[in-house]
Amino acid sequence: MEKIVRQGLLYDFYGELLTAHQRKIYEDLVFNDLSLSEIAEEQGISRQGVHDLIRRCDRILMGYEEKLHLVEKFDSTKRLAAQICRALDDYEVQRDPQLLSRAREAAEQITQIESR
């Protein structure tokens, strides 16, 4: 499961850098949950060809991540936002409720980045 989530994140960040053909096959595997055989039949290529293309796409996407670190930065931002939310929830002395409310809203928006 974790591999599929990772592939989805990498695709979300770097998928547009793949060719249209690579995107279609990768989307079928990762998002549409089609088997290699189903994709091969749909595309009119061998199952081995699909397997090789998926591995190539994985390497390409990982290469972009190794250079740009966008997924890593995204994960870090989400962790920090969650920490902010927890700290705000634990904040006992609320001297400025409006400021606290705005900070909580901002932190919540950061944590919801993934769903956009």
PDB file of N, CA and C in Angstrom:
ATOM      1  N   MET A   1       0.825  -1.200   0.000  1.00  0.00           N
ATOM      2  CA  MET A   1       0.000   0.000   0.000  1.00  0.00           C
ATOM      3  C   MET A   1       0.866   1.259   0.000  1.00  0.00           C
ATOM      4  N   GLU A   2       1.912   1.249   0.827  1.00  0.00           N
ATOM      5  CA  GLU A   2       2.778   2.418   0.922  1.00  0.00           C
ATOM      6  C   GLU A   2       3.428   2.739  -0.430  1.00  0.00           C
ATOM      7  N   LYS A   3       3.766   1.694  -1.196  1.00  0.00           N
ATOM      8  CA  LYS A   3       4.389   1.907  -2.503  1.00  0.00           C
ATOM      9  C   LYS A   3       3.428   2.629  -3.435  1.00  0.00           C
ATOM     10  N   ILE A   4       2.161   2.241  -3.426  1.00  0.00           N
ATOM     11  CA  ILE A   4       1.163   2.882  -4.291  1.00  0.00           C
ATOM     12  C   ILE A   4       0.978   4.350  -3.890  1.00  0.00           C
ATOM     13  N   VAL A   5       0.948   4.619  -2.595  1.00  0.00           N
ATOM     14  CA  VAL A   5       0.817   6.005  -2.113  1.00  0.00           C
ATOM     15  C   VAL A   5       2.019   6.822  -2.577  1.00  0.00           C
ATOM     16  N   ARG A   6       3.203   6.251  -2.426  1.00  0.00           N
ATOM     17  CA  ARG A   6       4.428   6.939  -2.847  1.00  0.00           C
ATOM     18  C   ARG A   6       4.398   7.193  -4.358  1.00  0.00           C
ATOM     19  N   GLN A   7       3.993   6.180  -5.129  1.00  0.00           N
ATOM     20  CA  GLN A   7       3.912   6.349  -6.580  1.00  0.00           C
ATOM     21  C   GLN A   7       2.908   7.450  -6.934  1.00  0.00           C
ATOM     22  N   GLY A   8       1.792   7.479  -6.219  1.00  0.00           N
ATOM     23  CA  GLY A   8       0.781   8.510  -6.467  1.00  0.00           C
ATOM     24  C   GLY A   8       1.309   9.903  -6.187  1.00  0.00           C
ATOM     25  N   LEU A   9       2.031  10.051  -5.082  1.00  0.00           N
ATOM     26  CA  LEU A   9       2.612  11.360  -4.749  1.00  0.00           C
ATOM     27  C   LEU A   9       3.643  11.788  -5.788  1.00  0.00           C
ATOM     28  N   LEU A  10       4.514  10.867  -6.153  1.00  0.00           N
ATOM     29  CA  LEU A  10       5.525  11.192  -7.163  1.00  0.00           C
ATOM     30  C   LEU A  10       4.850  11.588  -8.473  1.00  0.00           C
ATOM     31  N   TYR A  11       3.807  10.866  -8.836  1.00  0.00           N
ATOM     32  CA  TYR A  11       3.083  11.193 -10.070  1.00  0.00           C
ATOM     33  C   TYR A  11       2.422  12.566  -9.955  1.00  0.00           C
ATOM     34  N   ASP A  12       1.813  12.849  -8.799  1.00  0.00           N
ATOM     35  CA  ASP A  12       1.165  14.150  -8.608  1.00  0.00           C
ATOM     36  C   ASP A  12       2.141  15.304  -8.821  1.00  0.00           C
ATOM     37  N   PHE A  13       3.357  15.136  -8.343  1.00  0.00           N
ATOM     38  CA  PHE A  13       4.343  16.202  -8.451  1.00  0.00           C
ATOM     39  C   PHE A  13       5.053  16.243  -9.801  1.00  0.00           C
ATOM     40  N   TYR A  14       5.343  15.089 -10.371  1.00  0.00           N
ATOM     41  CA  TYR A  14       6.197  15.048 -11.556  1.00  0.00           C
ATOM     42  C   TYR A  14       5.559  14.375 -12.775  1.00  0.00           C
ATOM     43  N   GLY A  15       4.344  13.924 -12.660  1.00  0.00           N
ATOM     44  CA  GLY A  15       3.708  13.167 -13.739  1.00  0.00           C
ATOM     45  C   GLY A  15       3.638  13.908 -15.061  1.00  0.00           C
ATOM     46  N   GLU A  16       3.459  15.190 -15.016  1.00  0.00           N
ATOM     47  CA  GLU A  16       3.365  15.971 -16.259  1.00  0.00           C
ATOM     48  C   GLU A  16       4.672  15.960 -17.042  1.00  0.00           C
ATOM     49  N   LEU A  17       5.738  15.526 -16.425  1.00  0.00           N
ATOM     50  CA  LEU A  17       7.029  15.463 -17.098  1.00  0.00           C
ATOM     51  C   LEU A  17       7.208  14.151 -17.865  1.00  0.00           C
ATOM     52  N   LEU A  18       6.276  13.228 -17.700  1.00  0.00           N
ATOM     53  CA  LEU A  18       6.288  11.988 -18.471  1.00  0.00           C
ATOM     54  C   LEU A  18       5.617  12.230 -19.819  1.00  0.00           C
ATOM     55  N   THR A  19       5.862  11.347 -20.775  1.00  0.00           N
ATOM     56  CA  THR A  19       5.169  11.454 -22.065  1.00  0.00           C
ATOM     57  C   THR A  19       3.703  11.070 -21.867  1.00  0.00           C
ATOM     58  N   ALA A  20       2.863  11.398 -22.821  1.00  0.00           N
ATOM     59  CA  ALA A  20       1.437  11.064 -22.731  1.00  0.00           C
ATOM     60  C   ALA A  20       1.251   9.550 -22.613  1.00  0.00           C
ATOM     61  N   HIS A  21       2.011   8.788 -23.379  1.00  0.00           N
ATOM     62  CA  HIS A  21       1.926   7.324 -23.337  1.00  0.00           C
ATOM     63  C   HIS A  21       2.335   6.797 -21.958  1.00  0.00           C
ATOM     64  N   GLN A  22       3.418   7.311 -21.409  1.00  0.00           N
ATOM     65  CA  GLN A  22       3.867   6.895 -20.083  1.00  0.00           C
ATOM     66  C   GLN A  22       2.828   7.250 -19.026  1.00  0.00           C
ATOM     67  N   ARG A  23       2.262   8.463 -19.139  1.00  0.00           N
ATOM     68  CA  ARG A  23       1.248   8.893 -18.168  1.00  0.00           C
ATOM     69  C   ARG A  23       0.036   7.965 -18.191  1.00  0.00           C
ATOM     70  N   LYS A  24      -0.434   7.627 -19.379  1.00  0.00           N
ATOM     71  CA  LYS A  24      -1.623   6.781 -19.514  1.00  0.00           C
ATOM     72  C   LYS A  24      -1.394   5.424 -18.851  1.00  0.00           C
ATOM     73  N   ILE A  25      -0.282   4.789 -19.142  1.00  0.00           N
ATOM     74  CA  ILE A  25       0.003   3.467 -18.579  1.00  0.00           C
ATOM     75  C   ILE A  25       0.224   3.560 -17.071  1.00  0.00           C
ATOM     76  N   TYR A  26       0.946   4.560 -16.628  1.00  0.00           N
ATOM     77  CA  TYR A  26       1.211   4.725 -15.196  1.00  0.00           C
ATOM     78  C   TYR A  26      -0.088   4.991 -14.434  1.00  0.00           C
ATOM     79  N   GLU A  27      -0.951   5.830 -14.986  1.00  0.00           N
ATOM     80  CA  GLU A  27      -2.244   6.109 -14.357  1.00  0.00           C
ATOM     81  C   GLU A  27      -3.093   4.845 -14.276  1.00  0.00           C
ATOM     82  N   ASP A  28      -3.081   4.047 -15.342  1.00  0.00           N
ATOM     83  CA  ASP A  28      -3.856   2.806 -15.318  1.00  0.00           C
ATOM     84  C   ASP A  28      -3.396   1.894 -14.192  1.00  0.00           C
ATOM     85  N   LEU A  29      -2.109   1.812 -13.972  1.00  0.00           N
ATOM     86  CA  LEU A  29      -1.584   0.948 -12.917  1.00  0.00           C
ATOM     87  C   LEU A  29      -1.850   1.537 -11.532  1.00  0.00           C
ATOM     88  N   VAL A  30      -1.459   2.779 -11.333  1.00  0.00           N
ATOM     89  CA  VAL A  30      -1.475   3.375  -9.995  1.00  0.00           C
ATOM     90  C   VAL A  30      -2.875   3.838  -9.580  1.00  0.00           C
ATOM     91  N   PHE A  31      -3.588   4.505 -10.461  1.00  0.00           N
ATOM     92  CA  PHE A  31      -4.867   5.098 -10.083  1.00  0.00           C
ATOM     93  C   PHE A  31      -6.071   4.230 -10.451  1.00  0.00           C
ATOM     94  N   ASN A  32      -5.983   3.529 -11.573  1.00  0.00           N
ATOM     95  CA  ASN A  32      -7.120   2.714 -12.012  1.00  0.00           C
ATOM     96  C   ASN A  32      -7.006   1.265 -11.569  1.00  0.00           C
ATOM     97  N   ASP A  33      -5.882   0.925 -10.925  1.00  0.00           N
ATOM     98  CA  ASP A  33      -5.660  -0.405 -10.347  1.00  0.00           C
ATOM     99  C   ASP A  33      -5.824  -1.532 -11.369  1.00  0.00           C
ATOM    100  N   LEU A  34      -5.373  -1.276 -12.597  1.00  0.00           N
ATOM    101  CA  LEU A  34      -5.407  -2.321 -13.616  1.00  0.00           C
ATOM    102  C   LEU A  34      -4.160  -3.188 -13.489  1.00  0.00           C
ATOM    103  N   SER A  35      -4.279  -4.432 -13.855  1.00  0.00           N
ATOM    104  CA  SER A  35      -3.127  -5.333 -13.831  1.00  0.00           C
ATOM    105  C   SER A  35      -2.252  -5.064 -15.055  1.00  0.00           C
ATOM    106  N   LEU A  36      -1.035  -5.578 -15.005  1.00  0.00           N
ATOM    107  CA  LEU A  36      -0.139  -5.432 -16.151  1.00  0.00           C
ATOM    108  C   LEU A  36      -0.757  -6.064 -17.397  1.00  0.00           C
ATOM    109  N   SER A  37      -1.404  -7.211 -17.233  1.00  0.00           N
ATOM    110  CA  SER A  37      -2.042  -7.893 -18.366  1.00  0.00           C
ATOM    111  C   SER A  37      -3.180  -7.069 -18.952  1.00  0.00           C
ATOM    112  N   GLU A  38      -3.981  -6.459 -18.085  1.00  0.00           N
ATOM    113  CA  GLU A  38      -5.089  -5.631 -18.556  1.00  0.00           C
ATOM    114  C   GLU A  38      -4.575  -4.417 -19.328  1.00  0.00           C
ATOM    115  N   ILE A  39      -3.537  -3.794 -18.812  1.00  0.00           N
ATOM    116  CA  ILE A  39      -2.952  -2.630 -19.488  1.00  0.00           C
ATOM    117  C   ILE A  39      -2.356  -3.055 -20.821  1.00  0.00           C
ATOM    118  N   ALA A  40      -1.646  -4.182 -20.821  1.00  0.00           N
ATOM    119  CA  ALA A  40      -1.019  -4.674 -22.047  1.00  0.00           C
ATOM    120  C   ALA A  40      -2.070  -4.917 -23.129  1.00  0.00           C
ATOM    121  N   GLU A  41      -3.163  -5.558 -22.741  1.00  0.00           N
ATOM    122  CA  GLU A  41      -4.234  -5.835 -23.698  1.00  0.00           C
ATOM    123  C   GLU A  41      -4.844  -4.543 -24.231  1.00  0.00           C
ATOM    124  N   GLU A  42      -5.095  -3.606 -23.328  1.00  0.00           N
ATOM    125  CA  GLU A  42      -5.693  -2.320 -23.711  1.00  0.00           C
ATOM    126  C   GLU A  42      -4.783  -1.526 -24.659  1.00  0.00           C
ATOM    127  N   GLN A  43      -3.474  -1.582 -24.388  1.00  0.00           N
ATOM    128  CA  GLN A  43      -2.510  -0.793 -25.159  1.00  0.00           C
ATOM    129  C   GLN A  43      -1.975  -1.530 -26.381  1.00  0.00           C
ATOM    130  N   GLY A  44      -2.243  -2.823 -26.470  1.00  0.00           N
ATOM    131  CA  GLY A  44      -1.748  -3.599 -27.600  1.00  0.00           C
ATOM    132  C   GLY A  44      -0.246  -3.845 -27.542  1.00  0.00           C
ATOM    133  N   ILE A  45       0.277  -3.978 -26.337  1.00  0.00           N
ATOM    134  CA  ILE A  45       1.698  -4.276 -26.163  1.00  0.00           C
ATOM    135  C   ILE A  45       1.822  -5.474 -25.234  1.00  0.00           C
ATOM    136  N   SER A  46       3.038  -5.974 -25.079  1.00  0.00           N
ATOM    137  CA  SER A  46       3.233  -7.145 -24.222  1.00  0.00           C
ATOM    138  C   SER A  46       3.175  -6.756 -22.747  1.00  0.00           C
ATOM    139  N   ARG A  47       2.893  -7.755 -21.913  1.00  0.00           N
ATOM    140  CA  ARG A  47       2.890  -7.551 -20.480  1.00  0.00           C
ATOM    141  C   ARG A  47       4.282  -7.121 -20.018  1.00  0.00           C
ATOM    142  N   GLN A  48       5.317  -7.721 -20.601  1.00  0.00           N
ATOM    143  CA  GLN A  48       6.696  -7.360 -20.265  1.00  0.00           C
ATOM    144  C   GLN A  48       6.982  -5.909 -20.642  1.00  0.00           C
ATOM    145  N   GLY A  49       6.420  -5.469 -21.768  1.00  0.00           N
ATOM    146  CA  GLY A  49       6.592  -4.075 -22.180  1.00  0.00           C
ATOM    147  C   GLY A  49       5.979  -3.113 -21.179  1.00  0.00           C
ATOM    148  N   VAL A  50       4.816  -3.471 -20.666  1.00  0.00           N
ATOM    149  CA  VAL A  50       4.165  -2.642 -19.641  1.00  0.00           C
ATOM    150  C   VAL A  50       5.018  -2.619 -18.378  1.00  0.00           C
ATOM    151  N   HIS A  51       5.481  -3.790 -17.968  1.00  0.00           N
ATOM    152  CA  HIS A  51       6.328  -3.888 -16.773  1.00  0.00           C
ATOM    153  C   HIS A  51       7.567  -3.012 -16.905  1.00  0.00           C
ATOM    154  N   ASP A  52       8.236  -3.097 -18.051  1.00  0.00           N
ATOM    155  CA  ASP A  52       9.443  -2.298 -18.280  1.00  0.00           C
ATOM    156  C   ASP A  52       9.133  -0.811 -18.262  1.00  0.00           C
ATOM    157  N   LEU A  53       8.014  -0.427 -18.863  1.00  0.00           N
ATOM    158  CA  LEU A  53       7.637   0.990 -18.911  1.00  0.00           C
ATOM    159  C   LEU A  53       7.341   1.517 -17.512  1.00  0.00           C
ATOM    160  N   ILE A  54       6.649   0.718 -16.699  1.00  0.00           N
ATOM    161  CA  ILE A  54       6.343   1.132 -15.326  1.00  0.00           C
ATOM    162  C   ILE A  54       7.639   1.314 -14.534  1.00  0.00           C
ATOM    163  N   ARG A  55       8.554   0.374 -14.668  1.00  0.00           N
ATOM    164  CA  ARG A  55       9.844   0.488 -13.961  1.00  0.00           C
ATOM    165  C   ARG A  55      10.608   1.721 -14.424  1.00  0.00           C
ATOM    166  N   ARG A  56      10.569   1.997 -15.726  1.00  0.00           N
ATOM    167  CA  ARG A  56      11.244   3.181 -16.266  1.00  0.00           C
ATOM    168  C   ARG A  56      10.604   4.457 -15.702  1.00  0.00           C
ATOM    169  N   CYS A  57       9.286   4.484 -15.660  1.00  0.00           N
ATOM    170  CA  CYS A  57       8.583   5.647 -15.104  1.00  0.00           C
ATOM    171  C   CYS A  57       8.934   5.842 -13.632  1.00  0.00           C
ATOM    172  N   ASP A  58       8.969   4.738 -12.875  1.00  0.00           N
ATOM    173  CA  ASP A  58       9.355   4.839 -11.466  1.00  0.00           C
ATOM    174  C   ASP A  58      10.743   5.449 -11.319  1.00  0.00           C
ATOM    175  N   ARG A  59      11.667   4.997 -12.144  1.00  0.00           N
ATOM    176  CA  ARG A  59      13.040   5.529 -12.079  1.00  0.00           C
ATOM    177  C   ARG A  59      13.073   7.010 -12.460  1.00  0.00           C
ATOM    178  N   ILE A  60      12.312   7.371 -13.480  1.00  0.00           N
ATOM    179  CA  ILE A  60      12.265   8.771 -13.916  1.00  0.00           C
ATOM    180  C   ILE A  60      11.714   9.652 -12.794  1.00  0.00           C
ATOM    181  N   LEU A  61      10.584   9.240 -12.223  1.00  0.00           N
ATOM    182  CA  LEU A  61       9.946  10.029 -11.170  1.00  0.00           C
ATOM    183  C   LEU A  61      10.832  10.126  -9.929  1.00  0.00           C
ATOM    184  N   MET A  62      11.469   9.011  -9.560  1.00  0.00           N
ATOM    185  CA  MET A  62      12.391   9.040  -8.425  1.00  0.00           C
ATOM    186  C   MET A  62      13.598   9.934  -8.713  1.00  0.00           C
ATOM    187  N   GLY A  63      14.039   9.946  -9.950  1.00  0.00           N
ATOM    188  CA  GLY A  63      15.148  10.817 -10.330  1.00  0.00           C
ATOM    189  C   GLY A  63      14.807  12.284 -10.137  1.00  0.00           C
ATOM    190  N   TYR A  64      13.580  12.647 -10.527  1.00  0.00           N
ATOM    191  CA  TYR A  64      13.146  14.030 -10.309  1.00  0.00           C
ATOM    192  C   TYR A  64      13.103  14.347  -8.819  1.00  0.00           C
ATOM    193  N   GLU A  65      12.594  13.406  -8.021  1.00  0.00           N
ATOM    194  CA  GLU A  65      12.509  13.636  -6.581  1.00  0.00           C
ATOM    195  C   GLU A  65      13.897  13.766  -5.961  1.00  0.00           C
ATOM    196  N   GLU A  66      14.846  12.964  -6.417  1.00  0.00           N
ATOM    197  CA  GLU A  66      16.213  13.051  -5.888  1.00  0.00           C
ATOM    198  C   GLU A  66      16.842  14.402  -6.180  1.00  0.00           C
ATOM    199  N   LYS A  67      16.446  15.014  -7.282  1.00  0.00           N
ATOM    200  CA  LYS A  67      17.007  16.318  -7.646  1.00  0.00           C
ATOM    201  C   LYS A  67      16.234  17.487  -7.026  1.00  0.00           C
ATOM    202  N   LEU A  68      14.916  17.377  -6.980  1.00  0.00           N
ATOM    203  CA  LEU A  68      14.087  18.515  -6.580  1.00  0.00           C
ATOM    204  C   LEU A  68      13.531  18.440  -5.155  1.00  0.00           C
ATOM    205  N   HIS A  69      13.360  17.252  -4.632  1.00  0.00           N
ATOM    206  CA  HIS A  69      12.894  17.034  -3.253  1.00  0.00           C
ATOM    207  C   HIS A  69      11.530  17.670  -2.965  1.00  0.00           C
ATOM    208  N   LEU A  70      10.655  17.747  -3.941  1.00  0.00           N
ATOM    209  CA  LEU A  70       9.348  18.375  -3.721  1.00  0.00           C
ATOM    210  C   LEU A  70       8.450  17.546  -2.816  1.00  0.00           C
ATOM    211  N   VAL A  71       8.451  16.231  -2.997  1.00  0.00           N
ATOM    212  CA  VAL A  71       7.624  15.370  -2.144  1.00  0.00           C
ATOM    213  C   VAL A  71       8.151  15.418  -0.714  1.00  0.00           C
ATOM    214  N   GLU A  72       9.453  15.395  -0.558  1.00  0.00           N
ATOM    215  CA  GLU A  72      10.066  15.481   0.772  1.00  0.00           C
ATOM    216  C   GLU A  72       9.669  16.791   1.459  1.00  0.00           C
ATOM    217  N   LYS A  73       9.720  17.895   0.726  1.00  0.00           N
ATOM    218  CA  LYS A  73       9.343  19.196   1.299  1.00  0.00           C
ATOM    219  C   LYS A  73       7.856  19.229   1.639  1.00  0.00           C
ATOM    220  N   PHE A  74       7.054  18.617   0.786  1.00  0.00           N
ATOM    221  CA  PHE A  74       5.615  18.537   1.021  1.00  0.00           C
ATOM    222  C   PHE A  74       5.329  17.766   2.313  1.00  0.00           C
ATOM    223  N   ASP A  75       5.962  16.606   2.462  1.00  0.00           N
ATOM    224  CA  ASP A  75       5.780  15.799   3.672  1.00  0.00           C
ATOM    225  C   ASP A  75       6.219  16.573   4.914  1.00  0.00           C
ATOM    226  N   SER A  76       7.335  17.272   4.811  1.00  0.00           N
ATOM    227  CA  SER A  76       7.846  18.054   5.930  1.00  0.00           C
ATOM    228  C   SER A  76       6.865  19.162   6.316  1.00  0.00           C
ATOM    229  N   THR A  77       6.324  19.835   5.321  1.00  0.00           N
ATOM    230  CA  THR A  77       5.361  20.914   5.570  1.00  0.00           C
ATOM    231  C   THR A  77       4.118  20.376   6.260  1.00  0.00           C
ATOM    232  N   LYS A  78       3.643  19.231   5.811  1.00  0.00           N
ATOM    233  CA  LYS A  78       2.462  18.624   6.435  1.00  0.00           C
ATOM    234  C   LYS A  78       2.736  18.229   7.883  1.00  0.00           C
ATOM    235  N   ARG A  79       3.923  17.690   8.152  1.00  0.00           N
ATOM    236  CA  ARG A  79       4.276  17.318   9.536  1.00  0.00           C
ATOM    237  C   ARG A  79       4.325  18.566  10.425  1.00  0.00           C
ATOM    238  N   LEU A  80       4.944  19.636   9.906  1.00  0.00           N
ATOM    239  CA  LEU A  80       5.035  20.870  10.686  1.00  0.00           C
ATOM    240  C   LEU A  80       3.652  21.460  10.941  1.00  0.00           C
ATOM    241  N   ALA A  81       2.798  21.412   9.952  1.00  0.00           N
ATOM    242  CA  ALA A  81       1.438  21.932  10.133  1.00  0.00           C
ATOM    243  C   ALA A  81       0.696  21.128  11.190  1.00  0.00           C
ATOM    244  N   ALA A  82       0.890  19.822  11.190  1.00  0.00           N
ATOM    245  CA  ALA A  82       0.247  18.987  12.206  1.00  0.00           C
ATOM    246  C   ALA A  82       0.773  19.337  13.592  1.00  0.00           C
ATOM    247  N   GLN A  83       2.071  19.612  13.689  1.00  0.00           N
ATOM    248  CA  GLN A  83       2.647  20.021  14.975  1.00  0.00           C
ATOM    249  C   GLN A  83       2.052  21.348  15.434  1.00  0.00           C
ATOM    250  N   ILE A  84       1.865  22.267  14.498  1.00  0.00           N
ATOM    251  CA  ILE A  84       1.264  23.567  14.821  1.00  0.00           C
ATOM    252  C   ILE A  84      -0.150  23.361  15.348  1.00  0.00           C
ATOM    253  N   CYS A  85      -0.907  22.509  14.683  1.00  0.00           N
ATOM    254  CA  CYS A  85      -2.280  22.245  15.121  1.00  0.00           C
ATOM    255  C   CYS A  85      -2.303  21.663  16.526  1.00  0.00           C
ATOM    256  N   ARG A  86      -1.414  20.711  16.784  1.00  0.00           N
ATOM    257  CA  ARG A  86      -1.364  20.123  18.130  1.00  0.00           C
ATOM    258  C   ARG A  86      -0.976  21.173  19.165  1.00  0.00           C
ATOM    259  N   ALA A  87      -0.009  22.018  18.816  1.00  0.00           N
ATOM    260  CA  ALA A  87       0.418  23.059  19.759  1.00  0.00           C
ATOM    261  C   ALA A  87      -0.713  24.039  20.026  1.00  0.00           C
ATOM    262  N   LEU A  88      -1.456  24.380  18.982  1.00  0.00           N
ATOM    263  CA  LEU A  88      -2.577  25.297  19.166  1.00  0.00           C
ATOM    264  C   LEU A  88      -3.674  24.660  20.006  1.00  0.00           C
ATOM    265  N   ASP A  89      -3.895  23.377  19.808  1.00  0.00           N
ATOM    266  CA  ASP A  89      -4.898  22.676  20.614  1.00  0.00           C
ATOM    267  C   ASP A  89      -4.490  22.623  22.080  1.00  0.00           C
ATOM    268  N   ASP A  90      -3.168  22.551  22.320  1.00  0.00           N
ATOM    269  CA  ASP A  90      -2.659  22.482  23.690  1.00  0.00           C
ATOM    270  C   ASP A  90      -2.500  23.860  24.331  1.00  0.00           C
ATOM    271  N   TYR A  91      -2.682  24.892  23.555  1.00  0.00           N
ATOM    272  CA  TYR A  91      -2.465  26.251  24.052  1.00  0.00           C
ATOM    273  C   TYR A  91      -3.488  26.550  25.146  1.00  0.00           C
ATOM    274  N   GLU A  92      -3.009  26.705  26.373  1.00  0.00           N
ATOM    275  CA  GLU A  92      -3.916  26.854  27.506  1.00  0.00           C
ATOM    276  C   GLU A  92      -4.327  28.300  27.749  1.00  0.00           C
ATOM    277  N   VAL A  93      -3.400  29.193  27.639  1.00  0.00           N
ATOM    278  CA  VAL A  93      -3.692  30.595  27.929  1.00  0.00           C
ATOM    279  C   VAL A  93      -3.977  31.306  26.610  1.00  0.00           C
ATOM    280  N   GLN A  94      -5.239  31.523  26.332  1.00  0.00           N
ATOM    281  CA  GLN A  94      -5.626  32.135  25.053  1.00  0.00           C
ATOM    282  C   GLN A  94      -5.796  33.639  25.249  1.00  0.00           C
ATOM    283  N   ARG A  95      -4.684  34.356  25.153  1.00  0.00           N
ATOM    284  CA  ARG A  95      -4.708  35.805  25.377  1.00  0.00           C
ATOM    285  C   ARG A  95      -5.370  36.547  24.231  1.00  0.00           C
ATOM    286  N   ASP A  96      -5.245  36.025  23.042  1.00  0.00           N
ATOM    287  CA  ASP A  96      -5.847  36.672  21.872  1.00  0.00           C
ATOM    288  C   ASP A  96      -6.596  35.607  21.069  1.00  0.00           C
ATOM    289  N   PRO A  97      -7.859  35.385  21.373  1.00  0.00           N
ATOM    290  CA  PRO A  97      -8.615  34.329  20.701  1.00  0.00           C
ATOM    291  C   PRO A  97      -8.691  34.489  19.180  1.00  0.00           C
ATOM    292  N   GLN A  98      -8.735  35.725  18.699  1.00  0.00           N
ATOM    293  CA  GLN A  98      -8.791  35.929  17.241  1.00  0.00           C
ATOM    294  C   GLN A  98      -7.493  35.485  16.575  1.00  0.00           C
ATOM    295  N   LEU A  99      -6.377  35.838  17.170  1.00  0.00           N
ATOM    296  CA  LEU A  99      -5.085  35.428  16.639  1.00  0.00           C
ATOM    297  C   LEU A  99      -4.958  33.907  16.667  1.00  0.00           C
ATOM    298  N   LEU A 100      -5.365  33.322  17.754  1.00  0.00           N
ATOM    299  CA  LEU A 100      -5.325  31.873  17.887  1.00  0.00           C
ATOM    300  C   LEU A 100      -6.209  31.218  16.825  1.00  0.00           C
ATOM    301  N   SER A 101      -7.370  31.770  16.606  1.00  0.00           N
ATOM    302  CA  SER A 101      -8.296  31.225  15.609  1.00  0.00           C
ATOM    303  C   SER A 101      -7.711  31.320  14.203  1.00  0.00           C
ATOM    304  N   ARG A 102      -7.111  32.455  13.880  1.00  0.00           N
ATOM    305  CA  ARG A 102      -6.503  32.620  12.550  1.00  0.00           C
ATOM    306  C   ARG A 102      -5.330  31.671  12.361  1.00  0.00           C
ATOM    307  N   ALA A 103      -4.528  31.499  13.405  1.00  0.00           N
ATOM    308  CA  ALA A 103      -3.388  30.579  13.330  1.00  0.00           C
ATOM    309  C   ALA A 103      -3.872  29.150  13.134  1.00  0.00           C
ATOM    310  N   ARG A 104      -4.910  28.775  13.834  1.00  0.00           N
ATOM    311  CA  ARG A 104      -5.460  27.424  13.712  1.00  0.00           C
ATOM    312  C   ARG A 104      -5.999  27.209  12.293  1.00  0.00           C
ATOM    313  N   GLU A 105      -6.694  28.201  11.755  1.00  0.00           N
ATOM    314  CA  GLU A 105      -7.224  28.091  10.388  1.00  0.00           C
ATOM    315  C   GLU A 105      -6.092  27.940   9.374  1.00  0.00           C
ATOM    316  N   ALA A 106      -5.027  28.724   9.541  1.00  0.00           N
ATOM    317  CA  ALA A 106      -3.892  28.637   8.622  1.00  0.00           C
ATOM    318  C   ALA A 106      -3.244  27.260   8.692  1.00  0.00           C
ATOM    319  N   ALA A 107      -3.075  26.764   9.895  1.00  0.00           N
ATOM    320  CA  ALA A 107      -2.473  25.439  10.060  1.00  0.00           C
ATOM    321  C   ALA A 107      -3.368  24.367   9.449  1.00  0.00           C
ATOM    322  N   GLU A 108      -4.669  24.474   9.626  1.00  0.00           N
ATOM    323  CA  GLU A 108      -5.600  23.508   9.037  1.00  0.00           C
ATOM    324  C   GLU A 108      -5.527  23.539   7.507  1.00  0.00           C
ATOM    325  N   GLN A 109      -5.397  24.725   6.942  1.00  0.00           N
ATOM    326  CA  GLN A 109      -5.275  24.824   5.479  1.00  0.00           C
ATOM    327  C   GLN A 109      -4.017  24.124   4.992  1.00  0.00           C
ATOM    328  N   ILE A 110      -2.935  24.263   5.729  1.00  0.00           N
ATOM    329  CA  ILE A 110      -1.686  23.599   5.349  1.00  0.00           C
ATOM    330  C   ILE A 110      -1.854  22.087   5.397  1.00  0.00           C
ATOM    331  N   THR A 111      -2.529  21.583   6.432  1.00  0.00           N
ATOM    332  CA  THR A 111      -2.678  20.129   6.548  1.00  0.00           C
ATOM    333  C   THR A 111      -3.590  19.565   5.468  1.00  0.00           C
ATOM    334  N   GLN A 112      -4.410  20.398   4.856  1.00  0.00           N
ATOM    335  CA  GLN A 112      -5.324  19.917   3.818  1.00  0.00           C
ATOM    336  C   GLN A 112      -4.757  20.064   2.414  1.00  0.00           C
ATOM    337  N   ILE A 113      -3.507  20.435   2.302  1.00  0.00           N
ATOM    338  CA  ILE A 113      -2.866  20.622   0.992  1.00  0.00           C
ATOM    339  C   ILE A 113      -2.987  19.359   0.154  1.00  0.00           C
ATOM    340  N   GLU A 114      -2.803  18.206   0.768  1.00  0.00           N
ATOM    341  CA  GLU A 114      -2.804  16.948   0.049  1.00  0.00           C
ATOM    342  C   GLU A 114      -4.125  16.687  -0.656  1.00  0.00           C
ATOM    343  N   SER A 115      -5.234  17.135  -0.092  1.00  0.00           N
ATOM    344  CA  SER A 115      -6.530  16.815  -0.671  1.00  0.00           C
ATOM    345  C   SER A 115      -6.896  17.701  -1.844  1.00  0.00           C
ATOM    346  N   ARG A 116      -6.069  18.646  -2.175  1.00  0.00           N
ATOM    347  CA  ARG A 116      -6.381  19.539  -3.298  1.00  0.00           C
ATOM    348  C   ARG A 116      -5.884  18.995  -4.594  1.00  0.00           C
TER     349      ARG A 116
END
